[in-house]
Amino acid sequence: MAYDYVIIGAGPAGLQLAAFLERDGADYVVLERGSTPGTFFTRFPRHRTLISINKVHTGYDDPELRLRMDWNSLLSDDPELLFTRYSRRYFPPADDMVRYLRDFAERTGVRVRYGTEVTRVSRDEGGFTVTDASGGTWRARRVVVATGVPLPNLPDIPGIELAERYDTFDTDPESFTDQRVLVIGRGNSAFETADSLMEHAAVIHLVGSGSLRLAWQTHYVGHLRAVNNNFLDTYQLKSQNALLDGRVLEIRRDGDGFRVPVAFERADEVVKDLRYDRVIVATGFRFDASVFDGSCTPETVVDGRFPAVTPVGESVNVPELYFAGTLTQGRDFKKSTTGFVHGFRYTVRALHRELRRRHHGEPWPVVELGGDLEAAVDRVITRVNRSSALWQQFAVLGDVLLLAPDGTMRYAEEVPVAQVPKAVRAGHFGPVAAHAVITLEYGADHDRVDPFDVAAARPAQQDASGLDSRYLHPVVRWYRDGRETGEHHLRENLENQWDSEDVHRAPLRAFLADRCGPTAAVAS
């Protein structure tokens, strides 16, 4: 017997897809090596506080709007399966996520085989064979890998094996009392570690190459978050700690400690040989491709850290091998929210819709709008003001306004933007004469502007169309014959309410009327 789908991993992404398939009555099974869902969160983050926000009090009654501020819930029709019911903390404990995922698995009835460690995946003409550690095999027409990134991403530094690793080091701060500590890495795990040691360590240095990227400036939530940047105060206010802009050349033993030469980037590669009592490496994680044999080894990107995937999550070189969750962030690495629950819950839904379309004869869901232009305006305005998917997956997922040859219109939601051209050409949405892609996006060069610099944010820098808006705002792009023929930006708004008749609706109506009015099918 071959399953239609074997999902490897019962973390948030695996559970999300399984819940959709369970609702369909699909033929699938989830294989999880741990004894519980969300095993990752039983250990990480090491200091047990999530940085995914949990805003319980939003002032909204609309559950879709509430999801914009809820970064931990999975998508479900069950109002009880909201993470906001599990914690009131803005930055909640990781143990609450473990409890939530257990309940999600139980209440949705997803079919998970726990204690099943996958050791090999192979492919032949009939599909895939998945082998577990006990020698059991599972046949599958399609495999979806949702294992996350379980391997430490260790830098290529001579002596790196001497360093303690973020995933295994002793987190007891008192064990670092009066010691000189070097943390290699400048992401949230490195700063989280440094922050936990500040009351006990004598000196803490963080080291890494390039400019430090701050989430409040780049709008990428994986860059350094404010909740972890207290360490920067201790550096700039001269409290014995420091951020080193440079490269570690090697790590070597020196008595009961270590010598670490660092080439400083700010000082023309001047090398200083620094001594530390402890060295910790916190440089992120990577994809484990070791289970795939030569018949289905997926190509990778970002120095092998992630599989190379299509916009819907299929391996670019192994047909019917799919990836879900944080593994799919290689396409927009350090630009979007695909690596996080509040982003990939929507890309998993897009993957599910594509699987239903491709393998089960269900077209991508569309809403019929007829030939009324005002219905199109209403639909766009409603979606940009309400959708949590467009809000969280800015510039990655978009809605599509479809103009048929007869002048009637349809509306498809949450399509991967990079998939739209192929889907339109292939007729996945039916006959299309032209179409618009609607996204929420930050403005050009938004990550190069200090948002707290009043000179950089003057309204004079914006034109009437909102083209130079730096903050999140709706963008509508029009396409005909595969070419972009128009672009319209709705002006940004303090409350993120893009529904003013004069400022938002009327300019949008004029833009669409020029392209999908009564003669649009032949004139635009």
Protein backbone atom coordinates (compact mmCIF):
# COMPACT_ATOMS: atom_id res chain seq x y z
CA MET A 1 0.00 0.00 0.00
CA ALA A 2 1.23 3.48 -0.86
CA TYR A 3 -0.02 6.57 0.92
CA ASP A 4 -0.82 9.62 -1.14
CA TYR A 5 1.28 11.64 1.31
CA VAL A 6 3.92 10.82 3.89
CA ILE A 7 4.74 13.87 5.99
CA ILE A 8 8.03 13.76 7.86
CA GLY A 9 7.91 15.81 11.03
CA ALA A 10 5.12 16.75 13.46
CA GLY A 11 6.22 20.29 14.18
CA PRO A 12 3.97 23.27 13.42
CA ALA A 13 4.28 22.94 9.62
CA GLY A 14 3.71 19.17 9.57
CA LEU A 15 0.70 19.50 11.86
CA GLN A 16 -0.70 22.37 9.81
CA LEU A 17 -0.60 20.41 6.57
CA ALA A 18 -1.85 17.25 8.27
CA ALA A 19 -4.83 19.14 9.70
CA PHE A 20 -5.80 20.31 6.21
CA LEU A 21 -5.43 16.78 4.82
CA GLU A 22 -7.38 15.30 7.72
CA ARG A 23 -10.22 17.72 7.04
CA ASP A 24 -10.19 16.52 3.42
CA GLY A 25 -10.28 12.85 4.40
CA ALA A 26 -6.99 12.44 2.54
CA ASP A 27 -4.72 9.41 2.53
CA TYR A 28 -1.66 10.43 4.57
CA VAL A 29 0.49 9.68 7.60
CA VAL A 30 2.88 11.81 9.65
CA LEU A 31 6.14 10.28 10.88
CA GLU A 32 7.67 11.94 13.94
CA ARG A 33 10.84 10.74 15.65
CA GLY A 34 9.94 12.35 18.97
CA SER A 35 7.34 11.22 21.46
CA THR A 36 5.28 14.39 21.16
CA PRO A 37 4.42 17.07 18.60
CA GLY A 38 6.74 20.06 18.41
CA THR A 39 9.80 18.31 19.83
CA PHE A 40 11.96 21.27 18.74
CA PHE A 41 10.22 23.53 21.25
CA THR A 42 11.01 21.18 24.14
CA ARG A 43 14.63 22.36 23.76
CA PHE A 44 14.61 25.64 21.86
CA PRO A 45 15.04 28.43 22.38
CA ARG A 46 17.53 27.37 25.02
CA HIS A 47 16.48 30.12 27.42
CA ARG A 48 12.83 29.12 27.01
CA THR A 49 11.23 32.41 25.92
CA LEU A 50 9.78 32.77 22.43
CA ILE A 51 10.29 35.96 20.45
CA SER A 52 7.15 35.34 18.38
CA ILE A 53 4.64 37.84 19.70
CA ASN A 54 1.42 36.83 21.38
CA LYS A 55 -0.80 39.91 21.47
CA VAL A 56 -3.94 38.90 23.30
CA HIS A 57 -5.56 42.33 23.52
CA THR A 58 -5.88 43.87 20.05
CA GLY A 59 -9.19 45.72 20.23
CA TYR A 60 -10.41 43.64 17.25
CA ASP A 61 -13.36 41.27 17.26
CA ASP A 62 -12.52 39.97 13.78
CA PRO A 63 -10.52 36.73 14.17
CA GLU A 64 -8.73 37.37 10.88
CA LEU A 65 -7.42 40.73 12.09
CA ARG A 66 -6.44 39.20 15.42
CA LEU A 67 -4.20 36.75 13.58
CA ARG A 68 -2.14 39.69 12.37
CA MET A 69 -0.94 40.08 15.97
CA ASP A 70 -0.87 36.38 16.84
CA TRP A 71 2.38 34.84 15.64
CA ASN A 72 1.95 31.39 17.16
CA SER A 73 -1.49 30.01 16.28
CA LEU A 74 -1.94 27.52 13.48
CA LEU A 75 -4.87 27.88 11.09
CA SER A 76 -8.01 26.10 12.21
CA ASP A 77 -11.79 26.49 12.20
CA ASP A 78 -11.80 25.57 15.91
CA PRO A 79 -11.93 28.80 17.99
CA GLU A 80 -10.39 26.91 20.90
CA LEU A 81 -7.21 26.23 18.95
CA LEU A 82 -5.74 29.70 19.32
CA PHE A 83 -2.42 30.14 21.05
CA THR A 84 -3.76 33.27 22.76
CA ARG A 85 -5.83 30.91 24.93
CA TYR A 86 -2.64 29.23 26.15
CA SER A 87 -0.62 32.22 27.27
CA ARG A 88 -1.22 35.86 28.16
CA ARG A 89 2.46 36.76 27.82
CA TYR A 90 3.56 38.96 24.93
CA PHE A 91 6.70 36.84 24.65
CA PRO A 92 5.39 33.49 25.85
CA PRO A 93 7.27 30.54 27.37
CA ALA A 94 8.30 27.84 24.90
CA ASP A 95 6.60 25.22 27.07
CA ASP A 96 3.26 26.82 26.24
CA MET A 97 3.95 26.18 22.56
CA VAL A 98 4.61 22.51 23.31
CA ARG A 99 1.30 22.29 25.17
CA TYR A 100 -0.53 24.08 22.35
CA LEU A 101 0.85 21.78 19.65
CA ARG A 102 -0.09 18.69 21.66
CA ASP A 103 -3.67 19.92 21.92
CA PHE A 104 -3.72 20.92 18.25
CA ALA A 105 -2.69 17.40 17.23
CA GLU A 106 -5.26 15.81 19.52
CA ARG A 107 -8.21 18.05 18.63
CA THR A 108 -7.64 17.94 14.88
CA GLY A 109 -7.21 14.15 14.96
CA VAL A 110 -4.13 14.18 12.75
CA ARG A 111 -2.59 10.75 12.16
CA VAL A 112 0.92 10.82 13.61
CA ARG A 113 3.25 7.87 14.23
CA TYR A 114 5.45 9.01 17.11
CA GLY A 115 8.80 7.43 17.90
CA THR A 116 9.40 6.90 14.19
CA GLU A 117 12.77 8.23 13.09
CA VAL A 118 13.21 8.43 9.34
CA THR A 119 16.67 7.25 8.29
CA ARG A 120 16.35 6.95 4.52
CA VAL A 121 14.23 8.30 1.67
CA SER A 122 14.57 6.79 -1.81
CA ARG A 123 12.65 7.16 -5.06
CA ASP A 124 11.75 4.85 -7.94
CA GLU A 125 9.23 4.92 -10.78
CA GLY A 126 6.41 4.02 -8.40
CA GLY A 127 7.06 6.78 -5.90
CA PHE A 128 9.04 7.02 -2.66
CA THR A 129 10.13 4.55 0.00
CA VAL A 130 10.63 5.99 3.47
CA THR A 131 12.58 3.79 5.88
CA ASP A 132 12.59 4.24 9.65
CA ALA A 133 15.21 3.35 12.25
CA SER A 134 13.55 0.03 13.08
CA GLY A 135 13.64 -1.05 9.42
CA GLY A 136 9.97 -0.32 8.76
CA THR A 137 9.11 1.07 5.33
CA TRP A 138 6.43 3.43 4.13
CA ARG A 139 5.49 3.79 0.47
CA ALA A 140 4.34 7.21 -0.70
CA ARG A 141 3.28 8.82 -3.94
CA ARG A 142 4.48 12.10 -2.49
CA VAL A 143 6.70 13.03 0.44
CA VAL A 144 6.46 16.30 2.36
CA VAL A 145 9.43 17.11 4.58
CA ALA A 146 8.58 19.35 7.54
CA THR A 147 11.49 18.61 9.86
CA GLY A 148 12.73 22.14 10.36
CA VAL A 149 16.48 22.78 10.47
CA PRO A 150 17.86 20.34 13.07
CA LEU A 151 21.62 20.62 12.46
CA PRO A 152 23.83 23.38 13.88
CA ASN A 153 25.25 25.61 11.16
CA LEU A 154 28.88 25.58 12.29
CA PRO A 155 31.28 28.03 10.63
CA ASP A 156 34.43 26.74 8.95
CA ILE A 157 36.91 27.87 11.62
CA PRO A 158 39.97 25.82 12.65
CA GLY A 159 39.33 24.58 16.17
CA ILE A 160 35.55 25.16 16.05
CA GLU A 161 35.10 21.74 17.67
CA LEU A 162 36.59 23.24 20.87
CA ALA A 163 33.69 25.66 21.22
CA GLU A 164 30.53 24.88 23.14
CA ARG A 165 27.47 24.75 20.91
CA TYR A 166 24.26 26.71 21.42
CA ASP A 167 22.22 23.53 21.10
CA THR A 168 24.09 21.68 23.88
CA PHE A 169 25.90 24.15 26.19
CA ASP A 170 25.13 24.45 29.90
CA THR A 171 22.76 27.41 30.15
CA ASP A 172 23.18 27.87 33.92
CA PRO A 173 24.42 31.51 34.17
CA GLU A 174 26.23 30.87 37.45
CA SER A 175 28.64 28.51 35.71
CA PHE A 176 29.97 31.58 33.87
CA THR A 177 30.63 33.67 37.00
CA ASP A 178 33.63 36.01 36.62
CA GLN A 179 34.59 34.46 33.28
CA ARG A 180 35.54 35.99 29.96
CA VAL A 181 33.12 34.65 27.35
CA LEU A 182 33.15 34.82 23.55
CA VAL A 183 29.92 34.14 21.67
CA ILE A 184 30.43 33.50 17.95
CA GLY A 185 27.36 34.74 16.07
CA ARG A 186 25.25 37.88 16.04
CA GLY A 187 21.73 36.58 15.60
CA ASN A 188 18.98 36.29 18.16
CA SER A 189 20.34 33.04 19.64
CA ALA A 190 23.73 34.68 20.21
CA PHE A 191 22.24 37.80 21.79
CA GLU A 192 19.77 35.73 23.81
CA THR A 193 22.75 33.80 25.20
CA ALA A 194 24.75 36.94 25.97
CA ASP A 195 21.76 38.57 27.66
CA SER A 196 21.36 35.57 29.96
CA LEU A 197 25.01 35.79 31.08
CA MET A 198 25.30 39.53 31.75
CA GLU A 199 24.68 39.30 35.49
CA HIS A 200 27.41 36.69 36.01
CA ALA A 201 30.12 36.84 33.34
CA ALA A 202 32.95 39.35 33.79
CA VAL A 203 33.33 40.09 30.08
CA ILE A 204 31.18 39.05 27.10
CA HIS A 205 32.16 39.59 23.49
CA LEU A 206 29.96 38.82 20.48
CA VAL A 207 31.73 38.45 17.16
CA GLY A 208 30.57 38.32 13.56
CA SER A 209 31.15 39.79 10.10
CA GLY A 210 29.26 42.56 8.41
CA SER A 211 26.94 45.21 9.75
CA LEU A 212 24.52 44.29 12.52
CA ARG A 213 20.98 44.02 11.16
CA LEU A 214 18.16 45.22 13.44
CA ALA A 215 14.63 43.93 12.93
CA TRP A 216 12.98 47.28 13.62
CA GLN A 217 14.87 48.71 10.65
CA THR A 218 14.89 45.82 8.16
CA HIS A 219 11.36 44.55 9.00
CA TYR A 220 12.75 41.01 8.93
CA VAL A 221 11.73 39.41 12.22
CA GLY A 222 14.73 37.07 12.19
CA HIS A 223 17.20 39.94 12.47
CA LEU A 224 18.13 41.14 15.94
CA ARG A 225 14.96 41.81 17.91
CA ALA A 226 14.67 44.58 20.48
CA VAL A 227 13.83 42.06 23.20
CA ASN A 228 17.34 40.62 22.81
CA ASN A 229 19.38 43.78 22.35
CA ASN A 230 20.00 44.89 25.94
CA PHE A 231 23.54 43.73 25.30
CA LEU A 232 24.03 46.69 22.94
CA ASP A 233 23.44 49.08 25.84
CA THR A 234 26.11 47.38 27.91
CA TYR A 235 28.53 47.74 24.99
CA GLN A 236 27.86 51.35 24.09
CA LEU A 237 27.64 52.42 27.75
CA LYS A 238 31.01 50.81 28.50
CA SER A 239 30.02 47.99 30.83
CA GLN A 240 32.85 45.61 29.88
CA ASN A 241 30.94 43.92 27.05
CA ALA A 242 31.63 44.44 23.34
CA LEU A 243 30.39 43.68 19.85
CA LEU A 244 33.32 42.69 17.64
CA ASP A 245 32.96 43.33 13.91
CA GLY A 246 35.30 40.76 12.47
CA ARG A 247 36.22 37.18 11.66
CA VAL A 248 37.42 34.51 14.02
CA LEU A 249 40.56 33.04 12.45
CA GLU A 250 40.93 30.04 14.75
CA ILE A 251 40.27 28.72 18.25
CA ARG A 252 43.13 27.13 20.14
CA ARG A 253 43.58 25.94 23.69
CA ASP A 254 45.52 28.11 26.13
CA GLY A 255 45.85 26.46 29.52
CA ASP A 256 42.37 26.16 30.96
CA GLY A 257 41.01 28.64 28.45
CA PHE A 258 41.31 29.61 24.79
CA ARG A 259 43.16 31.97 22.48
CA VAL A 260 41.08 33.39 19.64
CA PRO A 261 42.65 35.65 17.00
CA VAL A 262 40.05 38.02 15.50
CA ALA A 263 40.53 39.99 12.27
CA PHE A 264 38.70 43.29 12.80
CA GLU A 265 36.77 44.61 9.80
CA ARG A 266 36.56 48.15 11.14
CA ALA A 267 40.33 48.37 11.45
CA ASP A 268 41.61 47.14 8.08
CA GLU A 269 41.79 43.52 9.17
CA VAL A 270 43.99 44.24 12.20
CA VAL A 271 44.28 40.97 14.11
CA LYS A 272 44.05 40.80 17.90
CA ASP A 273 44.76 37.61 19.82
CA LEU A 274 42.15 37.53 22.58
CA ARG A 275 41.88 35.17 25.54
CA TYR A 276 38.63 33.69 26.86
CA ASP A 277 37.56 31.20 29.47
CA ARG A 278 34.61 29.95 27.40
CA VAL A 279 33.68 30.08 23.71
CA ILE A 280 30.11 29.44 22.54
CA VAL A 281 29.10 29.14 18.90
CA ALA A 282 25.55 30.32 18.10
CA THR A 283 25.42 30.64 14.32
CA GLY A 284 22.05 29.16 13.48
CA PHE A 285 20.86 25.88 12.02
CA ARG A 286 20.72 24.05 8.70
CA PHE A 287 18.82 21.43 6.73
CA ASP A 288 19.71 17.74 7.23
CA ALA A 289 19.85 16.14 3.77
CA SER A 290 21.57 12.94 4.94
CA VAL A 291 18.39 10.82 4.83
CA PHE A 292 18.01 11.21 1.05
CA ASP A 293 19.81 8.66 -1.06
CA GLY A 294 21.18 9.30 -4.55
CA SER A 295 17.82 8.69 -6.19
CA CYS A 296 16.24 11.80 -4.68
CA THR A 297 18.89 14.09 -3.20
CA PRO A 298 17.42 17.59 -3.32
CA GLU A 299 19.40 20.57 -4.51
CA THR A 300 20.12 23.18 -1.83
CA VAL A 301 20.59 26.95 -1.57
CA VAL A 302 22.15 29.44 0.88
CA ASP A 303 25.36 27.42 1.24
CA GLY A 304 23.43 24.20 1.65
CA ARG A 305 21.32 25.43 4.56
CA PHE A 306 17.95 24.98 2.84
CA PRO A 307 16.47 22.90 0.02
CA ALA A 308 15.93 24.64 -3.30
CA VAL A 309 12.17 24.78 -3.85
CA THR A 310 9.59 26.14 -6.27
CA PRO A 311 7.18 28.90 -5.12
CA VAL A 312 4.78 26.22 -3.81
CA GLY A 313 7.46 24.24 -1.97
CA GLU A 314 8.31 21.43 -4.39
CA SER A 315 11.95 20.42 -4.79
CA VAL A 316 13.35 22.01 -7.94
CA ASN A 317 15.00 18.73 -9.01
CA VAL A 318 12.97 15.93 -7.37
CA PRO A 319 9.34 15.85 -8.59
CA GLU A 320 6.71 15.14 -5.90
CA LEU A 321 9.18 15.83 -3.08
CA TYR A 322 7.79 18.79 -1.17
CA PHE A 323 9.00 20.85 1.77
CA ALA A 324 6.93 22.77 4.30
CA GLY A 325 7.61 25.26 7.04
CA THR A 326 10.91 26.88 7.91
CA LEU A 327 12.71 24.71 5.35
CA THR A 328 11.14 26.75 2.54
CA GLN A 329 12.68 30.08 3.52
CA GLY A 330 15.59 29.75 1.09
CA ARG A 331 13.61 31.50 -1.68
CA ASP A 332 13.31 34.72 0.33
CA PHE A 333 15.99 34.21 2.97
CA LYS A 334 16.12 37.05 5.50
CA LYS A 335 13.45 39.00 3.64
CA SER A 336 10.08 37.53 4.62
CA THR A 337 8.40 35.58 7.42
CA THR A 338 8.49 32.18 5.67
CA GLY A 339 10.88 30.82 8.29
CA PHE A 340 8.42 31.45 11.13
CA VAL A 341 5.05 30.06 12.21
CA HIS A 342 3.16 33.27 11.46
CA GLY A 343 4.49 33.17 7.89
CA PHE A 344 4.62 29.51 6.93
CA ARG A 345 1.14 28.69 8.22
CA TYR A 346 -0.06 30.53 5.10
CA THR A 347 2.47 29.03 2.68
CA VAL A 348 1.45 25.59 3.97
CA ARG A 349 -2.15 26.49 3.15
CA ALA A 350 -1.01 27.53 -0.33
CA LEU A 351 0.83 24.21 -0.69
CA HIS A 352 -2.31 22.34 0.35
CA ARG A 353 -4.40 24.20 -2.22
CA GLU A 354 -1.86 23.43 -4.93
CA LEU A 355 -1.78 19.74 -3.97
CA ARG A 356 -5.58 19.57 -4.17
CA ARG A 357 -5.51 21.30 -7.56
CA ARG A 358 -2.71 19.22 -8.98
CA HIS A 359 -3.60 15.76 -7.69
CA HIS A 360 -7.28 15.78 -6.71
CA GLY A 361 -9.04 17.83 -9.37
CA GLU A 362 -9.96 20.77 -7.14
CA PRO A 363 -9.29 24.14 -8.80
CA TRP A 364 -7.71 26.92 -6.79
CA PRO A 365 -10.64 28.61 -5.02
CA VAL A 366 -11.86 31.79 -6.72
CA VAL A 367 -14.68 34.24 -6.07
CA GLU A 368 -16.82 35.34 -9.01
CA LEU A 369 -17.13 39.14 -9.20
CA GLY A 370 -18.99 39.51 -12.50
CA GLY A 371 -18.38 42.60 -14.60
CA ASP A 372 -18.93 45.24 -11.91
CA LEU A 373 -15.78 47.32 -11.38
CA GLU A 374 -17.00 48.46 -7.96
CA ALA A 375 -17.16 44.83 -6.84
CA ALA A 376 -13.46 44.52 -7.70
CA VAL A 377 -12.61 47.71 -5.81
CA ASP A 378 -14.59 46.50 -2.79
CA ARG A 379 -12.85 43.13 -2.87
CA VAL A 380 -9.35 44.60 -3.02
CA ILE A 381 -10.04 47.16 -0.29
CA THR A 382 -11.63 44.54 1.97
CA ARG A 383 -8.77 42.10 1.54
CA VAL A 384 -5.90 44.53 2.13
CA ASN A 385 -7.65 45.83 5.24
CA ARG A 386 -8.46 42.40 6.67
CA SER A 387 -6.21 39.61 5.36
CA SER A 388 -3.68 38.23 7.82
CA ALA A 389 -1.91 36.22 5.08
CA LEU A 390 -1.05 39.28 2.98
CA TRP A 391 -0.07 41.12 6.15
CA GLN A 392 2.31 38.44 7.40
CA GLN A 393 3.66 37.23 4.05
CA PHE A 394 4.29 40.63 2.53
CA ALA A 395 5.46 40.44 -1.09
CA VAL A 396 5.45 36.61 -0.92
CA LEU A 397 1.72 35.86 -1.10
CA GLY A 398 -0.66 37.94 -3.17
CA ASP A 399 -4.28 38.02 -4.19
CA VAL A 400 -5.01 37.90 -7.92
CA LEU A 401 -7.76 39.85 -9.69
CA LEU A 402 -8.48 37.97 -12.92
CA LEU A 403 -10.02 39.63 -15.96
CA ALA A 404 -11.58 37.14 -18.37
CA PRO A 405 -11.76 37.76 -22.14
CA ASP A 406 -15.49 38.54 -21.81
CA GLY A 407 -14.81 41.32 -19.28
CA THR A 408 -15.98 39.42 -16.19
CA MET A 409 -13.75 39.21 -13.16
CA ARG A 410 -12.75 36.59 -10.60
CA TYR A 411 -10.64 36.81 -7.47
CA ALA A 412 -8.11 34.27 -6.14
CA GLU A 413 -6.58 34.65 -2.69
CA GLU A 414 -3.13 34.00 -1.23
CA VAL A 415 -1.32 32.74 -4.30
CA PRO A 416 2.51 32.62 -4.09
CA VAL A 417 3.48 35.71 -6.08
CA ALA A 418 6.26 33.90 -7.93
CA GLN A 419 3.78 31.20 -8.97
CA VAL A 420 1.23 33.56 -10.53
CA PRO A 421 2.77 33.84 -14.03
CA LYS A 422 3.00 30.07 -14.43
CA ALA A 423 -0.49 29.52 -13.02
CA VAL A 424 -2.01 32.11 -15.37
CA ARG A 425 -0.22 30.72 -18.44
CA ALA A 426 -1.26 27.18 -17.57
CA GLY A 427 -4.91 28.17 -17.17
CA HIS A 428 -5.17 27.20 -13.52
CA PHE A 429 -7.65 30.03 -12.99
CA GLY A 430 -9.51 29.56 -16.25
CA PRO A 431 -9.28 31.91 -19.27
CA VAL A 432 -7.50 35.16 -18.37
CA ALA A 433 -7.01 38.20 -20.60
CA ALA A 434 -5.18 40.23 -17.95
CA HIS A 435 -4.70 40.17 -14.21
CA ALA A 436 -3.62 42.17 -11.20
CA VAL A 437 -1.51 40.95 -8.27
CA ILE A 438 -2.33 42.59 -4.94
CA THR A 439 0.24 42.49 -2.16
CA LEU A 440 1.22 44.30 0.99
CA GLU A 441 4.81 45.53 0.82
CA TYR A 442 7.31 47.86 2.38
CA GLY A 443 8.65 50.65 0.21
CA ALA A 444 11.82 50.62 -1.85
CA ASP A 445 15.00 50.67 0.25
CA HIS A 446 12.91 50.56 3.41
CA ASP A 447 15.67 48.64 5.20
CA ARG A 448 18.19 51.43 4.52
CA VAL A 449 16.18 54.17 6.19
CA ASP A 450 16.24 54.91 9.91
CA PRO A 451 12.49 54.94 10.70
CA PHE A 452 13.15 57.18 13.70
CA ASP A 453 14.93 59.82 11.64
CA VAL A 454 12.28 62.47 11.09
CA ALA A 455 14.17 63.91 8.13
CA ALA A 456 14.05 60.56 6.33
CA ALA A 457 10.31 60.18 6.87
CA ARG A 458 9.06 63.58 5.71
CA PRO A 459 5.78 63.44 3.71
CA ALA A 460 7.45 65.58 1.04
CA GLN A 461 9.31 62.47 -0.06
CA GLN A 462 6.05 60.80 -1.04
CA ASP A 463 4.08 61.48 -4.19
CA ALA A 464 0.29 61.38 -4.39
CA SER A 465 0.27 57.71 -5.38
CA GLY A 466 2.15 56.65 -2.27
CA LEU A 467 4.94 55.30 -4.48
CA ASP A 468 7.65 56.24 -1.99
CA SER A 469 5.85 54.99 1.09
CA ARG A 470 8.41 53.25 3.27
CA TYR A 471 6.02 51.52 5.65
CA LEU A 472 3.76 48.55 4.86
CA HIS A 473 1.12 49.44 2.28
CA PRO A 474 -0.92 47.80 -0.52
CA VAL A 475 0.53 47.50 -4.00
CA VAL A 476 -1.48 46.58 -7.13
CA ARG A 477 0.40 45.52 -10.27
CA TRP A 478 -1.36 44.94 -13.59
CA TYR A 479 -0.19 42.36 -16.14
CA ARG A 480 -1.14 41.64 -19.72
CA ASP A 481 0.49 39.08 -22.02
CA GLY A 482 3.00 38.28 -19.30
CA ARG A 483 4.20 41.88 -19.00
CA GLU A 484 3.64 44.35 -16.18
CA THR A 485 1.77 47.31 -17.64
CA GLY A 486 0.88 49.29 -14.53
CA GLU A 487 1.68 49.70 -10.84
CA HIS A 488 -0.37 51.44 -8.16
CA HIS A 489 0.58 52.03 -4.51
CA LEU A 490 -2.08 52.86 -1.92
CA ARG A 491 -0.83 55.47 0.51
CA GLU A 492 0.38 54.17 3.84
CA ASN A 493 -1.80 54.84 6.86
CA LEU A 494 -0.98 55.17 10.56
CA GLU A 495 -3.69 52.68 11.58
CA ASN A 496 -3.18 50.45 8.52
CA GLN A 497 -6.68 51.29 7.31
CA TRP A 498 -6.61 51.76 3.57
CA ASP A 499 -10.29 52.58 3.05
CA SER A 500 -10.56 56.35 2.63
CA GLU A 501 -12.67 57.25 -0.39
CA ASP A 502 -10.46 60.14 -1.47
CA VAL A 503 -7.04 58.77 -0.55
CA HIS A 504 -7.44 55.05 -1.26
CA ARG A 505 -10.62 53.96 -3.04
CA ALA A 506 -10.87 56.64 -5.72
CA PRO A 507 -7.26 56.31 -6.95
CA LEU A 508 -7.59 52.53 -6.98
CA ARG A 509 -10.88 52.74 -8.88
CA ALA A 510 -9.28 54.99 -11.49
CA PHE A 511 -6.30 52.66 -11.86
CA LEU A 512 -8.51 49.60 -12.39
CA ALA A 513 -10.99 51.43 -14.64
CA ASP A 514 -8.19 52.24 -17.06
CA ARG A 515 -7.42 48.53 -17.35
CA CYS A 516 -10.53 46.45 -16.73
CA GLY A 517 -13.37 48.78 -17.69
CA PRO A 518 -15.96 47.91 -20.41
CA THR A 519 -13.37 47.98 -23.23
CA ALA A 520 -10.39 46.73 -21.20
CA ALA A 521 -10.29 43.31 -22.83
CA VAL A 522 -9.29 44.88 -26.13
CA ALA A 523 -7.98 48.33 -25.28
CA SER A 524 -5.54 48.12 -22.36
